Amino acid sequence: MSRMLPLSALTFAIAIAAATLAPALHAQGIYSCTDGKGRNLTSDRPIRDCIDREQRELNASGTTRRLVGPSLTAQERAVVEAREQQALEDVARQAEERRRDRALLSRYKNKGGHDAERSEALTQVDAVILAAKKRVGELAREREQLMAEMEFYVKEPNKAPASLKRQVAENEHSVALQHRFIGDQDAEKTRINARFDEELGRLKPLWAAQSGGVSSTALRPASTSATR
């Protein structure tokens, strides 16, 4: 025959059990939801039958601690993460555009200043091209002298001195280098003009905003990306 605990001992045991379980229940919370069949379910962990819908995590007092969204598949989670990453990139790009706009306005107060800097940049490249063309002219005159010496060996070019052959080869190589360098500088002028054209396209509405007291960000779509 089993012995029954005295009422005071039983009450004490229940109190001890409640005190032991309460912190655990408070720590992990209770989950509650209504499943697809309309059943109100509760559990001490996320409810599998409500994985496709929102669940409430309750405090020990029964109040809502937080809402737990539907669990996502790996593919759905990847889509959400991609959207979040794109949103972060959009915010960063917009911040960079605003920073660049401020820098442009600080550097160029008006179109005259911008045109002057474009002209200065192109003038510097033109000076380099002029020096290269001058060098090409010098090399052309050197080649005339070398060819005059090579005329003595027209019938027997193999008898031409090795030093003379080397000078002719070096001359041809130098001419090719100068022409390639000039081509690179022409490309640099194209890049300079493209950069200033792009800057001018951004600056015109910014100057207009300054003079008209309009926010510069209101003149451009937020999604506009900077072109470099």
C-alpha atoms as a PDB file:
ATOM      1  CA  MET A   1       0.000   0.000   0.000  1.00  0.00           C
ATOM      2  CA  SER A   2       1.505   3.293  -1.113  1.00  0.00           C
ATOM      3  CA  ARG A   3       2.034   5.988   1.379  1.00  0.00           C
ATOM      4  CA  MET A   4       0.556   9.398   0.631  1.00  0.00           C
ATOM      5  CA  LEU A   5       2.542  12.491   1.395  1.00  0.00           C
ATOM      6  CA  PRO A   6       1.057  14.835   3.924  1.00  0.00           C
ATOM      7  CA  LEU A   7      -0.726  17.755   2.328  1.00  0.00           C
ATOM      8  CA  SER A   8       1.967  20.197   3.427  1.00  0.00           C
ATOM      9  CA  ALA A   9       4.711  18.024   1.912  1.00  0.00           C
ATOM     10  CA  LEU A  10       2.757  17.638  -1.353  1.00  0.00           C
ATOM     11  CA  THR A  11       2.202  21.389  -1.560  1.00  0.00           C
ATOM     12  CA  PHE A  12       5.900  21.952  -0.989  1.00  0.00           C
ATOM     13  CA  ALA A  13       6.834  19.462  -3.730  1.00  0.00           C
ATOM     14  CA  ILE A  14       4.500  21.168  -6.221  1.00  0.00           C
ATOM     15  CA  ALA A  15       5.968  24.534  -5.333  1.00  0.00           C
ATOM     16  CA  ILE A  16       9.483  23.219  -5.896  1.00  0.00           C
ATOM     17  CA  ALA A  17       8.488  21.745  -9.275  1.00  0.00           C
ATOM     18  CA  ALA A  18       6.830  24.985 -10.357  1.00  0.00           C
ATOM     19  CA  ALA A  19       9.843  27.014  -9.310  1.00  0.00           C
ATOM     20  CA  THR A  20      12.084  24.660 -11.294  1.00  0.00           C
ATOM     21  CA  LEU A  21       9.987  24.680 -14.475  1.00  0.00           C
ATOM     22  CA  ALA A  22       9.065  28.370 -14.528  1.00  0.00           C
ATOM     23  CA  PRO A  23      12.507  29.703 -15.549  1.00  0.00           C
ATOM     24  CA  ALA A  24      12.732  27.124 -18.338  1.00  0.00           C
ATOM     25  CA  LEU A  25       9.275  27.978 -19.652  1.00  0.00           C
ATOM     26  CA  HIS A  26      10.039  31.666 -19.404  1.00  0.00           C
ATOM     27  CA  ALA A  27      13.345  31.191 -21.230  1.00  0.00           C
ATOM     28  CA  GLN A  28      12.020  29.202 -24.201  1.00  0.00           C
ATOM     29  CA  GLY A  29       8.471  30.560 -24.333  1.00  0.00           C
ATOM     30  CA  ILE A  30       5.330  28.910 -25.674  1.00  0.00           C
ATOM     31  CA  TYR A  31       4.447  28.880 -29.356  1.00  0.00           C
ATOM     32  CA  SER A  32       0.862  29.347 -30.474  1.00  0.00           C
ATOM     33  CA  CYS A  33      -0.793  29.342 -33.884  1.00  0.00           C
ATOM     34  CA  THR A  34      -3.882  28.386 -35.856  1.00  0.00           C
ATOM     35  CA  ASP A  35      -3.081  25.720 -38.421  1.00  0.00           C
ATOM     36  CA  GLY A  36      -4.573  25.246 -41.862  1.00  0.00           C
ATOM     37  CA  LYS A  37      -7.460  23.241 -40.406  1.00  0.00           C
ATOM     38  CA  GLY A  38      -8.423  26.020 -38.022  1.00  0.00           C
ATOM     39  CA  ARG A  39      -7.017  24.308 -34.938  1.00  0.00           C
ATOM     40  CA  ASN A  40      -5.482  26.446 -32.204  1.00  0.00           C
ATOM     41  CA  LEU A  41      -2.200  24.768 -31.334  1.00  0.00           C
ATOM     42  CA  THR A  42       0.407  25.427 -28.656  1.00  0.00           C
ATOM     43  CA  SER A  43       3.811  23.933 -28.028  1.00  0.00           C
ATOM     44  CA  ASP A  44       7.078  24.635 -26.239  1.00  0.00           C
ATOM     45  CA  ARG A  45       8.838  24.725 -29.613  1.00  0.00           C
ATOM     46  CA  PRO A  46       7.972  25.988 -33.147  1.00  0.00           C
ATOM     47  CA  ILE A  47       4.926  24.086 -34.363  1.00  0.00           C
ATOM     48  CA  ARG A  48       5.494  21.920 -37.448  1.00  0.00           C
ATOM     49  CA  ASP A  49       1.844  22.134 -38.579  1.00  0.00           C
ATOM     50  CA  CYS A  50       2.205  25.953 -38.709  1.00  0.00           C
ATOM     51  CA  ILE A  51       5.523  26.018 -40.537  1.00  0.00           C
ATOM     52  CA  ASP A  52       3.812  27.767 -43.462  1.00  0.00           C
ATOM     53  CA  ARG A  53       2.254  30.554 -41.367  1.00  0.00           C
ATOM     54  CA  GLU A  54       2.993  33.068 -38.645  1.00  0.00           C
ATOM     55  CA  GLN A  55       3.344  31.822 -35.062  1.00  0.00           C
ATOM     56  CA  ARG A  56       3.254  33.725 -31.784  1.00  0.00           C
ATOM     57  CA  GLU A  57       5.863  33.110 -29.127  1.00  0.00           C
ATOM     58  CA  LEU A  58       4.287  33.807 -25.742  1.00  0.00           C
ATOM     59  CA  ASN A  59       5.844  34.857 -22.454  1.00  0.00           C
ATOM     60  CA  ALA A  60       5.059  32.886 -19.306  1.00  0.00           C
ATOM     61  CA  SER A  61       2.366  35.485 -18.583  1.00  0.00           C
ATOM     62  CA  GLY A  62       0.643  34.676 -21.869  1.00  0.00           C
ATOM     63  CA  THR A  63       1.548  37.929 -23.610  1.00  0.00           C
ATOM     64  CA  THR A  64       3.175  37.881 -27.044  1.00  0.00           C
ATOM     65  CA  ARG A  65       6.939  37.987 -26.882  1.00  0.00           C
ATOM     66  CA  ARG A  66       7.443  38.039 -30.646  1.00  0.00           C
ATOM     67  CA  LEU A  67       5.956  36.917 -33.955  1.00  0.00           C
ATOM     68  CA  VAL A  68       7.754  34.157 -35.814  1.00  0.00           C
ATOM     69  CA  GLY A  69       7.333  34.285 -39.571  1.00  0.00           C
ATOM     70  CA  PRO A  70       6.716  31.254 -41.775  1.00  0.00           C
ATOM     71  CA  SER A  71       9.747  28.995 -42.130  1.00  0.00           C
ATOM     72  CA  LEU A  72      11.344  29.313 -45.551  1.00  0.00           C
ATOM     73  CA  THR A  73      12.788  26.725 -47.886  1.00  0.00           C
ATOM     74  CA  ALA A  74      16.439  27.084 -48.888  1.00  0.00           C
ATOM     75  CA  GLN A  75      15.375  28.569 -52.221  1.00  0.00           C
ATOM     76  CA  GLU A  76      12.947  31.016 -50.591  1.00  0.00           C
ATOM     77  CA  ARG A  77      15.577  32.016 -48.043  1.00  0.00           C
ATOM     78  CA  ALA A  78      18.076  32.629 -50.858  1.00  0.00           C
ATOM     79  CA  VAL A  79      15.555  34.892 -52.609  1.00  0.00           C
ATOM     80  CA  VAL A  80      14.941  36.872 -49.407  1.00  0.00           C
ATOM     81  CA  GLU A  81      18.670  37.205 -48.742  1.00  0.00           C
ATOM     82  CA  ALA A  82      19.266  38.339 -52.324  1.00  0.00           C
ATOM     83  CA  ARG A  83      16.584  41.016 -51.954  1.00  0.00           C
ATOM     84  CA  GLU A  84      18.064  42.171 -48.661  1.00  0.00           C
ATOM     85  CA  GLN A  85      21.541  42.307 -50.204  1.00  0.00           C
ATOM     86  CA  GLN A  86      20.217  44.278 -53.170  1.00  0.00           C
ATOM     87  CA  ALA A  87      18.504  46.706 -50.788  1.00  0.00           C
ATOM     88  CA  LEU A  88      21.771  47.214 -48.896  1.00  0.00           C
ATOM     89  CA  GLU A  89      23.641  47.782 -52.163  1.00  0.00           C
ATOM     90  CA  ASP A  90      21.002  50.291 -53.289  1.00  0.00           C
ATOM     91  CA  VAL A  91      21.355  52.226 -50.035  1.00  0.00           C
ATOM     92  CA  ALA A  92      25.157  52.192 -50.326  1.00  0.00           C
ATOM     93  CA  ARG A  93      25.012  53.310 -53.966  1.00  0.00           C
ATOM     94  CA  GLN A  94      22.635  56.148 -53.174  1.00  0.00           C
ATOM     95  CA  ALA A  95      24.887  57.276 -50.315  1.00  0.00           C
ATOM     96  CA  GLU A  96      27.882  57.184 -52.652  1.00  0.00           C
ATOM     97  CA  GLU A  97      25.985  59.208 -55.265  1.00  0.00           C
ATOM     98  CA  ARG A  98      25.096  61.849 -52.707  1.00  0.00           C
ATOM     99  CA  ARG A  99      28.729  61.972 -51.549  1.00  0.00           C
ATOM    100  CA  ARG A 100      29.904  62.323 -55.128  1.00  0.00           C
ATOM    101  CA  ASP A 101      27.340  65.038 -55.831  1.00  0.00           C
ATOM    102  CA  ARG A 102      28.585  67.035 -52.852  1.00  0.00           C
ATOM    103  CA  ALA A 103      32.183  66.593 -53.983  1.00  0.00           C
ATOM    104  CA  LEU A 104      31.322  67.721 -57.537  1.00  0.00           C
ATOM    105  CA  LEU A 105      29.495  70.808 -56.306  1.00  0.00           C
ATOM    106  CA  SER A 106      32.355  71.660 -53.995  1.00  0.00           C
ATOM    107  CA  ARG A 107      34.886  71.350 -56.831  1.00  0.00           C
ATOM    108  CA  TYR A 108      32.889  72.984 -59.632  1.00  0.00           C
ATOM    109  CA  LYS A 109      30.849  76.001 -58.666  1.00  0.00           C
ATOM    110  CA  ASN A 110      29.650  76.605 -62.230  1.00  0.00           C
ATOM    111  CA  LYS A 111      30.035  75.419 -65.820  1.00  0.00           C
ATOM    112  CA  GLY A 112      32.872  77.849 -66.480  1.00  0.00           C
ATOM    113  CA  GLY A 113      35.033  76.175 -63.832  1.00  0.00           C
ATOM    114  CA  HIS A 114      34.209  72.743 -65.156  1.00  0.00           C
ATOM    115  CA  ASP A 115      35.003  73.728 -68.759  1.00  0.00           C
ATOM    116  CA  ALA A 116      38.297  75.269 -67.657  1.00  0.00           C
ATOM    117  CA  GLU A 117      39.418  72.068 -65.946  1.00  0.00           C
ATOM    118  CA  ARG A 118      38.437  69.980 -68.966  1.00  0.00           C
ATOM    119  CA  SER A 119      40.455  72.283 -71.198  1.00  0.00           C
ATOM    120  CA  GLU A 120      43.465  72.086 -68.868  1.00  0.00           C
ATOM    121  CA  ALA A 121      43.362  68.290 -68.801  1.00  0.00           C
ATOM    122  CA  LEU A 122      43.168  68.075 -72.595  1.00  0.00           C
ATOM    123  CA  THR A 123      45.936  70.659 -73.008  1.00  0.00           C
ATOM    124  CA  GLN A 124      48.291  68.575 -70.895  1.00  0.00           C
ATOM    125  CA  VAL A 125      47.648  65.497 -73.029  1.00  0.00           C
ATOM    126  CA  ASP A 126      48.073  67.517 -76.222  1.00  0.00           C
ATOM    127  CA  ALA A 127      51.470  68.677 -74.961  1.00  0.00           C
ATOM    128  CA  VAL A 128      52.525  65.068 -74.434  1.00  0.00           C
ATOM    129  CA  ILE A 129      51.289  64.122 -77.928  1.00  0.00           C
ATOM    130  CA  LEU A 130      53.171  67.061 -79.451  1.00  0.00           C
ATOM    131  CA  ALA A 131      56.398  65.927 -77.757  1.00  0.00           C
ATOM    132  CA  ALA A 132      55.882  62.393 -79.050  1.00  0.00           C
ATOM    133  CA  LYS A 133      55.287  63.632 -82.605  1.00  0.00           C
ATOM    134  CA  LYS A 134      58.425  65.739 -82.343  1.00  0.00           C
ATOM    135  CA  ARG A 135      60.335  62.616 -81.384  1.00  0.00           C
ATOM    136  CA  VAL A 136      58.849  60.777 -84.377  1.00  0.00           C
ATOM    137  CA  GLY A 137      60.196  63.546 -86.623  1.00  0.00           C
ATOM    138  CA  GLU A 138      63.653  63.187 -85.076  1.00  0.00           C
ATOM    139  CA  LEU A 139      63.552  59.439 -85.609  1.00  0.00           C
ATOM    140  CA  ALA A 140      62.514  59.966 -89.229  1.00  0.00           C
ATOM    141  CA  ARG A 141      65.581  62.133 -89.849  1.00  0.00           C
ATOM    142  CA  GLU A 142      67.801  59.554 -88.137  1.00  0.00           C
ATOM    143  CA  ARG A 143      66.346  56.892 -90.404  1.00  0.00           C
ATOM    144  CA  GLU A 144      67.151  58.952 -93.496  1.00  0.00           C
ATOM    145  CA  GLN A 145      70.795  59.049 -92.440  1.00  0.00           C
ATOM    146  CA  LEU A 146      70.829  55.331 -91.659  1.00  0.00           C
ATOM    147  CA  MET A 147      69.239  54.493 -95.007  1.00  0.00           C
ATOM    148  CA  ALA A 148      71.838  56.659 -96.751  1.00  0.00           C
ATOM    149  CA  GLU A 149      74.551  54.510 -95.160  1.00  0.00           C
ATOM    150  CA  MET A 150      72.699  51.324 -96.046  1.00  0.00           C
ATOM    151  CA  GLU A 151      72.763  52.306 -99.745  1.00  0.00           C
ATOM    152  CA  PHE A 152      76.370  51.196 -99.839  1.00  0.00           C
ATOM    153  CA  TYR A 153      75.171  47.665 -99.081  1.00  0.00           C
ATOM    154  CA  VAL A 154      72.107  47.491-101.315  1.00  0.00           C
ATOM    155  CA  LYS A 155      73.566  44.751-103.472  1.00  0.00           C
ATOM    156  CA  GLU A 156      75.040  42.858-100.531  1.00  0.00           C
ATOM    157  CA  PRO A 157      72.983  43.762 -97.422  1.00  0.00           C
ATOM    158  CA  ASN A 158      74.576  40.916 -95.483  1.00  0.00           C
ATOM    159  CA  LYS A 159      77.854  42.824 -95.516  1.00  0.00           C
ATOM    160  CA  ALA A 160      76.343  45.804 -93.710  1.00  0.00           C
ATOM    161  CA  PRO A 161      77.989  46.342 -90.301  1.00  0.00           C
ATOM    162  CA  ALA A 162      76.134  44.775 -87.384  1.00  0.00           C
ATOM    163  CA  SER A 163      76.126  48.126 -85.595  1.00  0.00           C
ATOM    164  CA  LEU A 164      74.361  49.772 -88.552  1.00  0.00           C
ATOM    165  CA  LYS A 165      71.759  46.980 -88.706  1.00  0.00           C
ATOM    166  CA  ARG A 166      71.184  47.358 -84.983  1.00  0.00           C
ATOM    167  CA  GLN A 167      70.683  51.102 -85.318  1.00  0.00           C
ATOM    168  CA  VAL A 168      68.109  50.590 -88.082  1.00  0.00           C
ATOM    169  CA  ALA A 169      66.210  48.030 -85.967  1.00  0.00           C
ATOM    170  CA  GLU A 170      66.289  50.263 -82.913  1.00  0.00           C
ATOM    171  CA  ASN A 171      65.038  53.178 -84.984  1.00  0.00           C
ATOM    172  CA  GLU A 172      62.088  51.165 -86.287  1.00  0.00           C
ATOM    173  CA  HIS A 173      61.285  49.945 -82.781  1.00  0.00           C
ATOM    174  CA  SER A 174      61.379  53.468 -81.353  1.00  0.00           C
ATOM    175  CA  VAL A 175      59.080  54.776 -84.097  1.00  0.00           C
ATOM    176  CA  ALA A 176      56.584  51.991 -83.376  1.00  0.00           C
ATOM    177  CA  LEU A 177      56.682  52.803 -79.651  1.00  0.00           C
ATOM    178  CA  GLN A 178      56.069  56.494 -80.273  1.00  0.00           C
ATOM    179  CA  HIS A 179      53.090  55.787 -82.541  1.00  0.00           C
ATOM    180  CA  ARG A 180      51.651  53.405 -79.951  1.00  0.00           C
ATOM    181  CA  PHE A 181      52.161  56.043 -77.260  1.00  0.00           C
ATOM    182  CA  ILE A 182      50.392  58.671 -79.368  1.00  0.00           C
ATOM    183  CA  GLY A 183      47.488  56.270 -79.856  1.00  0.00           C
ATOM    184  CA  ASP A 184      47.273  55.765 -76.091  1.00  0.00           C
ATOM    185  CA  GLN A 185      47.189  59.518 -75.542  1.00  0.00           C
ATOM    186  CA  ASP A 186      44.411  59.926 -78.101  1.00  0.00           C
ATOM    187  CA  ALA A 187      42.455  57.295 -76.167  1.00  0.00           C
ATOM    188  CA  GLU A 188      43.174  59.215 -72.963  1.00  0.00           C
ATOM    189  CA  LYS A 189      41.637  62.342 -74.484  1.00  0.00           C
ATOM    190  CA  THR A 190      38.526  60.318 -75.302  1.00  0.00           C
ATOM    191  CA  ARG A 191      38.359  59.108 -71.698  1.00  0.00           C
ATOM    192  CA  ILE A 192      38.807  62.652 -70.364  1.00  0.00           C
ATOM    193  CA  ASN A 193      35.990  63.998 -72.529  1.00  0.00           C
ATOM    194  CA  ALA A 194      33.727  61.098 -71.518  1.00  0.00           C
ATOM    195  CA  ARG A 195      34.412  61.746 -67.834  1.00  0.00           C
ATOM    196  CA  PHE A 196      33.740  65.473 -68.100  1.00  0.00           C
ATOM    197  CA  ASP A 197      30.618  64.852 -70.187  1.00  0.00           C
ATOM    198  CA  GLU A 198      29.286  62.471 -67.523  1.00  0.00           C
ATOM    199  CA  GLU A 199      30.131  64.938 -64.752  1.00  0.00           C
ATOM    200  CA  LEU A 200      28.455  67.758 -66.651  1.00  0.00           C
ATOM    201  CA  GLY A 201      25.315  65.672 -66.999  1.00  0.00           C
ATOM    202  CA  ARG A 202      25.220  65.290 -63.219  1.00  0.00           C
ATOM    203  CA  LEU A 203      26.214  68.863 -62.451  1.00  0.00           C
ATOM    204  CA  LYS A 204      23.595  70.652 -64.532  1.00  0.00           C
ATOM    205  CA  PRO A 205      20.630  69.582 -62.367  1.00  0.00           C
ATOM    206  CA  LEU A 206      22.712  70.103 -59.219  1.00  0.00           C
ATOM    207  CA  TRP A 207      23.554  73.687 -60.232  1.00  0.00           C
ATOM    208  CA  ALA A 208      19.889  74.231 -61.082  1.00  0.00           C
ATOM    209  CA  ALA A 209      18.884  72.859 -57.686  1.00  0.00           C
ATOM    210  CA  GLN A 210      21.294  75.190 -55.928  1.00  0.00           C
ATOM    211  CA  SER A 211      20.070  78.249 -57.762  1.00  0.00           C
ATOM    212  CA  GLY A 212      16.414  77.283 -57.404  1.00  0.00           C
ATOM    213  CA  GLY A 213      16.566  76.027 -53.831  1.00  0.00           C
ATOM    214  CA  VAL A 214      15.430  72.525 -54.848  1.00  0.00           C
ATOM    215  CA  SER A 215      16.809  69.385 -53.221  1.00  0.00           C
ATOM    216  CA  SER A 216      19.322  67.830 -55.604  1.00  0.00           C
ATOM    217  CA  THR A 217      18.164  64.315 -54.722  1.00  0.00           C
ATOM    218  CA  ALA A 218      14.686  65.209 -55.985  1.00  0.00           C
ATOM    219  CA  LEU A 219      16.051  65.801 -59.470  1.00  0.00           C
ATOM    220  CA  ARG A 220      17.378  62.270 -59.942  1.00  0.00           C
ATOM    221  CA  PRO A 221      15.725  58.865 -59.508  1.00  0.00           C
ATOM    222  CA  ALA A 222      17.057  57.158 -56.398  1.00  0.00           C
ATOM    223  CA  SER A 223      18.088  54.151 -58.496  1.00  0.00           C
ATOM    224  CA  THR A 224      20.373  56.152 -60.796  1.00  0.00           C
ATOM    225  CA  SER A 225      23.807  54.557 -60.748  1.00  0.00           C
ATOM    226  CA  ALA A 226      27.021  56.493 -61.105  1.00  0.00           C
ATOM    227  CA  THR A 227      28.961  55.977 -64.319  1.00  0.00           C
ATOM    228  CA  ARG A 228      32.686  56.130 -64.118  1.00  0.00           C
END
